[in-house]
Amino acid sequence: MEREEVKKKLDSRLRRIEGQVKGIEKMVDSECGCRDVLVQIAAVRAALNKVGSMILQNYAKDCFVSISDEEVDDKKLEELISTLDMFLK
């Protein structure tokens, strides 16, 4: 996927998440049921995970785009593993 297309998709998803969070704020202010609020929080969490996944996919591609199959840069590999570990916690 082209970099600009990815950025456009990420921006769109982040704006949607922002709207969901504002919706949750309104639900809390109007004292909606806890279950309904928690369902929306779960939806936001899933949406954030998807955004994180998209960013990680592109990060991994960028890390290895200039590396041939025979030479894996240990520093870049460790950085990628560290980033994955941080995201998955």
N, C-alpha and C. Protein backbone atom coordinates (compact mmCIF):
# COMPACT_ATOMS: atom_id res chain seq x y z
N MET A 1 0.84 -1.17 0.00
CA MET A 1 0.00 0.00 0.00
C MET A 1 0.89 1.24 0.00
N GLU A 2 0.52 2.22 -0.76
CA GLU A 2 1.29 3.44 -0.85
C GLU A 2 1.22 4.23 0.46
N ARG A 3 2.31 4.91 0.79
CA ARG A 3 2.42 5.64 2.06
C ARG A 3 1.27 6.63 2.26
N GLU A 4 0.92 7.39 1.24
CA GLU A 4 -0.16 8.38 1.36
C GLU A 4 -1.51 7.70 1.59
N GLU A 5 -1.72 6.57 0.95
CA GLU A 5 -2.97 5.83 1.13
C GLU A 5 -3.07 5.30 2.56
N VAL A 6 -1.97 4.81 3.08
CA VAL A 6 -1.94 4.32 4.46
C VAL A 6 -2.23 5.46 5.42
N LYS A 7 -1.58 6.60 5.20
CA LYS A 7 -1.79 7.76 6.07
C LYS A 7 -3.25 8.20 6.04
N LYS A 8 -3.85 8.20 4.86
CA LYS A 8 -5.26 8.59 4.72
C LYS A 8 -6.16 7.63 5.51
N LYS A 9 -5.90 6.33 5.41
CA LYS A 9 -6.70 5.34 6.14
C LYS A 9 -6.52 5.49 7.65
N LEU A 10 -5.28 5.72 8.09
CA LEU A 10 -5.02 5.91 9.51
C LEU A 10 -5.73 7.16 10.03
N ASP A 11 -5.63 8.25 9.29
CA ASP A 11 -6.31 9.49 9.70
C ASP A 11 -7.81 9.27 9.84
N SER A 12 -8.39 8.57 8.88
CA SER A 12 -9.82 8.28 8.90
C SER A 12 -10.20 7.46 10.13
N ARG A 13 -9.43 6.42 10.38
CA ARG A 13 -9.71 5.56 11.54
C ARG A 13 -9.56 6.34 12.85
N LEU A 14 -8.54 7.18 12.93
CA LEU A 14 -8.32 7.95 14.16
C LEU A 14 -9.44 8.96 14.39
N ARG A 15 -9.95 9.57 13.32
CA ARG A 15 -11.09 10.49 13.48
C ARG A 15 -12.34 9.74 13.95
N ARG A 16 -12.51 8.54 13.42
CA ARG A 16 -13.66 7.72 13.84
C ARG A 16 -13.53 7.37 15.33
N ILE A 17 -12.33 7.01 15.75
CA ILE A 17 -12.08 6.69 17.16
C ILE A 17 -12.36 7.91 18.03
N GLU A 18 -11.91 9.07 17.57
CA GLU A 18 -12.16 10.31 18.31
C GLU A 18 -13.66 10.53 18.51
N GLY A 19 -14.43 10.28 17.46
CA GLY A 19 -15.88 10.41 17.56
C GLY A 19 -16.47 9.41 18.53
N GLN A 20 -15.93 8.19 18.52
CA GLN A 20 -16.42 7.18 19.46
C GLN A 20 -16.15 7.59 20.90
N VAL A 21 -14.97 8.14 21.15
CA VAL A 21 -14.61 8.57 22.51
C VAL A 21 -15.53 9.71 22.95
N LYS A 22 -15.80 10.65 22.06
CA LYS A 22 -16.72 11.75 22.40
C LYS A 22 -18.11 11.20 22.69
N GLY A 23 -18.50 10.17 21.95
CA GLY A 23 -19.79 9.52 22.21
C GLY A 23 -19.82 8.88 23.59
N ILE A 24 -18.72 8.28 23.99
CA ILE A 24 -18.63 7.67 25.32
C ILE A 24 -18.74 8.75 26.39
N GLU A 25 -18.08 9.88 26.19
CA GLU A 25 -18.18 10.99 27.14
C GLU A 25 -19.64 11.42 27.31
N LYS A 26 -20.36 11.54 26.21
CA LYS A 26 -21.78 11.92 26.27
C LYS A 26 -22.60 10.86 27.00
N MET A 27 -22.27 9.60 26.75
CA MET A 27 -22.99 8.51 27.42
C MET A 27 -22.79 8.59 28.94
N VAL A 28 -21.56 8.84 29.35
CA VAL A 28 -21.26 8.94 30.79
C VAL A 28 -21.98 10.16 31.38
N ASP A 29 -21.93 11.29 30.67
CA ASP A 29 -22.60 12.50 31.15
C ASP A 29 -24.11 12.30 31.30
N SER A 30 -24.69 11.53 30.39
CA SER A 30 -26.15 11.31 30.44
C SER A 30 -26.51 10.05 31.25
N GLU A 31 -25.49 9.52 31.94
CA GLU A 31 -25.67 8.38 32.83
C GLU A 31 -26.30 7.16 32.15
N CYS A 32 -25.79 6.84 30.97
CA CYS A 32 -26.21 5.61 30.28
C CYS A 32 -25.79 4.40 31.10
N GLY A 33 -26.36 3.27 30.80
CA GLY A 33 -26.02 2.05 31.52
C GLY A 33 -24.56 1.66 31.35
N CYS A 34 -24.02 1.10 32.41
CA CYS A 34 -22.60 0.70 32.41
C CYS A 34 -22.29 -0.28 31.27
N ARG A 35 -23.20 -1.21 31.04
CA ARG A 35 -22.96 -2.20 30.00
C ARG A 35 -22.81 -1.53 28.63
N ASP A 36 -23.67 -0.57 28.34
CA ASP A 36 -23.61 0.13 27.06
C ASP A 36 -22.30 0.91 26.91
N VAL A 37 -21.88 1.54 27.98
CA VAL A 37 -20.62 2.29 27.96
C VAL A 37 -19.46 1.32 27.74
N LEU A 38 -19.48 0.20 28.44
CA LEU A 38 -18.39 -0.77 28.31
C LEU A 38 -18.34 -1.38 26.91
N VAL A 39 -19.48 -1.57 26.29
CA VAL A 39 -19.50 -2.07 24.90
C VAL A 39 -18.80 -1.07 23.99
N GLN A 40 -19.06 0.22 24.18
CA GLN A 40 -18.43 1.24 23.36
C GLN A 40 -16.93 1.34 23.64
N ILE A 41 -16.54 1.17 24.90
CA ILE A 41 -15.11 1.18 25.24
C ILE A 41 -14.41 0.01 24.57
N ALA A 42 -15.04 -1.15 24.54
CA ALA A 42 -14.47 -2.32 23.87
C ALA A 42 -14.31 -2.04 22.37
N ALA A 43 -15.27 -1.34 21.78
CA ALA A 43 -15.19 -1.01 20.36
C ALA A 43 -14.02 -0.07 20.09
N VAL A 44 -13.82 0.91 20.97
CA VAL A 44 -12.69 1.84 20.82
C VAL A 44 -11.37 1.09 20.97
N ARG A 45 -11.31 0.21 21.94
CA ARG A 45 -10.08 -0.57 22.16
C ARG A 45 -9.75 -1.40 20.93
N ALA A 46 -10.75 -2.04 20.33
CA ALA A 46 -10.54 -2.85 19.12
C ALA A 46 -10.09 -1.96 17.96
N ALA A 47 -10.68 -0.78 17.85
CA ALA A 47 -10.31 0.14 16.78
C ALA A 47 -8.86 0.62 16.96
N LEU A 48 -8.47 0.90 18.19
CA LEU A 48 -7.08 1.31 18.45
C LEU A 48 -6.11 0.18 18.14
N ASN A 49 -6.49 -1.04 18.48
CA ASN A 49 -5.63 -2.18 18.16
C ASN A 49 -5.44 -2.32 16.65
N LYS A 50 -6.50 -2.07 15.89
CA LYS A 50 -6.40 -2.15 14.43
C LYS A 50 -5.47 -1.07 13.90
N VAL A 51 -5.56 0.14 14.43
CA VAL A 51 -4.66 1.22 14.02
C VAL A 51 -3.22 0.84 14.36
N GLY A 52 -3.01 0.33 15.56
CA GLY A 52 -1.67 -0.10 15.96
C GLY A 52 -1.13 -1.19 15.05
N SER A 53 -1.98 -2.12 14.69
CA SER A 53 -1.58 -3.19 13.79
C SER A 53 -1.17 -2.66 12.42
N MET A 54 -1.94 -1.72 11.90
CA MET A 54 -1.61 -1.11 10.61
C MET A 54 -0.25 -0.40 10.67
N ILE A 55 -0.02 0.32 11.75
CA ILE A 55 1.25 1.03 11.92
C ILE A 55 2.39 0.04 12.04
N LEU A 56 2.20 -1.02 12.80
CA LEU A 56 3.25 -2.04 12.95
C LEU A 56 3.57 -2.70 11.62
N GLN A 57 2.57 -3.00 10.83
CA GLN A 57 2.81 -3.61 9.52
C GLN A 57 3.69 -2.71 8.66
N ASN A 58 3.37 -1.44 8.64
CA ASN A 58 4.16 -0.51 7.83
C ASN A 58 5.55 -0.30 8.41
N TYR A 59 5.65 -0.29 9.73
CA TYR A 59 6.94 -0.16 10.39
C TYR A 59 7.84 -1.34 10.04
N ALA A 60 7.27 -2.53 10.09
CA ALA A 60 8.05 -3.73 9.76
C ALA A 60 8.51 -3.68 8.31
N LYS A 61 7.64 -3.27 7.41
CA LYS A 61 8.03 -3.16 5.99
C LYS A 61 9.15 -2.14 5.83
N ASP A 62 9.03 -1.00 6.50
CA ASP A 62 10.06 0.04 6.40
C ASP A 62 11.39 -0.44 6.97
N CYS A 63 11.35 -1.23 8.03
CA CYS A 63 12.57 -1.73 8.66
C CYS A 63 13.37 -2.60 7.71
N PHE A 64 12.67 -3.37 6.90
CA PHE A 64 13.34 -4.38 6.09
C PHE A 64 13.34 -4.09 4.60
N VAL A 65 12.87 -2.92 4.22
CA VAL A 65 12.77 -2.60 2.80
C VAL A 65 14.14 -2.51 2.13
N SER A 66 15.12 -2.06 2.83
CA SER A 66 16.45 -1.88 2.23
C SER A 66 17.40 -3.04 2.54
N ILE A 67 16.90 -4.06 3.19
CA ILE A 67 17.75 -5.19 3.59
C ILE A 67 17.48 -6.37 2.66
N SER A 68 18.54 -6.93 2.13
CA SER A 68 18.38 -8.10 1.28
C SER A 68 18.06 -9.32 2.13
N ASP A 69 17.60 -10.38 1.51
CA ASP A 69 17.25 -11.61 2.24
C ASP A 69 18.44 -12.20 2.98
N GLU A 70 19.63 -12.02 2.45
CA GLU A 70 20.81 -12.63 3.07
C GLU A 70 21.34 -11.87 4.28
N GLU A 71 21.11 -10.59 4.31
CA GLU A 71 21.66 -9.80 5.42
C GLU A 71 20.55 -9.16 6.25
N VAL A 72 20.36 -9.68 7.44
CA VAL A 72 19.37 -9.12 8.35
C VAL A 72 20.13 -8.26 9.36
N ASP A 73 19.77 -7.02 9.41
CA ASP A 73 20.41 -6.08 10.32
C ASP A 73 19.91 -6.37 11.74
N ASP A 74 20.82 -6.86 12.60
CA ASP A 74 20.45 -7.23 13.97
C ASP A 74 19.84 -6.07 14.74
N LYS A 75 20.37 -4.88 14.55
CA LYS A 75 19.85 -3.72 15.27
C LYS A 75 18.40 -3.43 14.88
N LYS A 76 18.10 -3.47 13.59
CA LYS A 76 16.74 -3.22 13.13
C LYS A 76 15.81 -4.33 13.59
N LEU A 77 16.29 -5.56 13.58
CA LEU A 77 15.48 -6.68 14.04
C LEU A 77 15.16 -6.55 15.52
N GLU A 78 16.13 -6.21 16.33
CA GLU A 78 15.90 -6.02 17.76
C GLU A 78 14.94 -4.86 18.02
N GLU A 79 15.07 -3.80 17.24
CA GLU A 79 14.18 -2.65 17.39
C GLU A 79 12.73 -3.06 17.05
N LEU A 80 12.58 -3.84 16.00
CA LEU A 80 11.25 -4.30 15.61
C LEU A 80 10.66 -5.20 16.70
N ILE A 81 11.44 -6.12 17.21
CA ILE A 81 10.97 -7.02 18.27
C ILE A 81 10.59 -6.23 19.52
N SER A 82 11.39 -5.26 19.88
CA SER A 82 11.12 -4.42 21.04
C SER A 82 9.80 -3.65 20.85
N THR A 83 9.59 -3.13 19.65
CA THR A 83 8.37 -2.39 19.36
C THR A 83 7.15 -3.30 19.43
N LEU A 84 7.28 -4.49 18.85
CA LEU A 84 6.18 -5.46 18.91
C LEU A 84 5.86 -5.83 20.35
N ASP A 85 6.89 -6.06 21.14
CA ASP A 85 6.71 -6.42 22.55
C ASP A 85 5.99 -5.32 23.30
N MET A 86 6.37 -4.06 23.07
CA MET A 86 5.74 -2.93 23.73
C MET A 86 4.27 -2.83 23.34
N PHE A 87 3.99 -3.00 22.05
CA PHE A 87 2.61 -2.87 21.57
C PHE A 87 1.72 -3.98 22.10
N LEU A 88 2.24 -5.18 22.24
CA LEU A 88 1.42 -6.32 22.62
C LEU A 88 1.20 -6.43 24.12
N LYS A 89 1.85 -5.60 24.93
CA LYS A 89 1.65 -5.65 26.39
C LYS A 89 0.33 -5.08 26.77
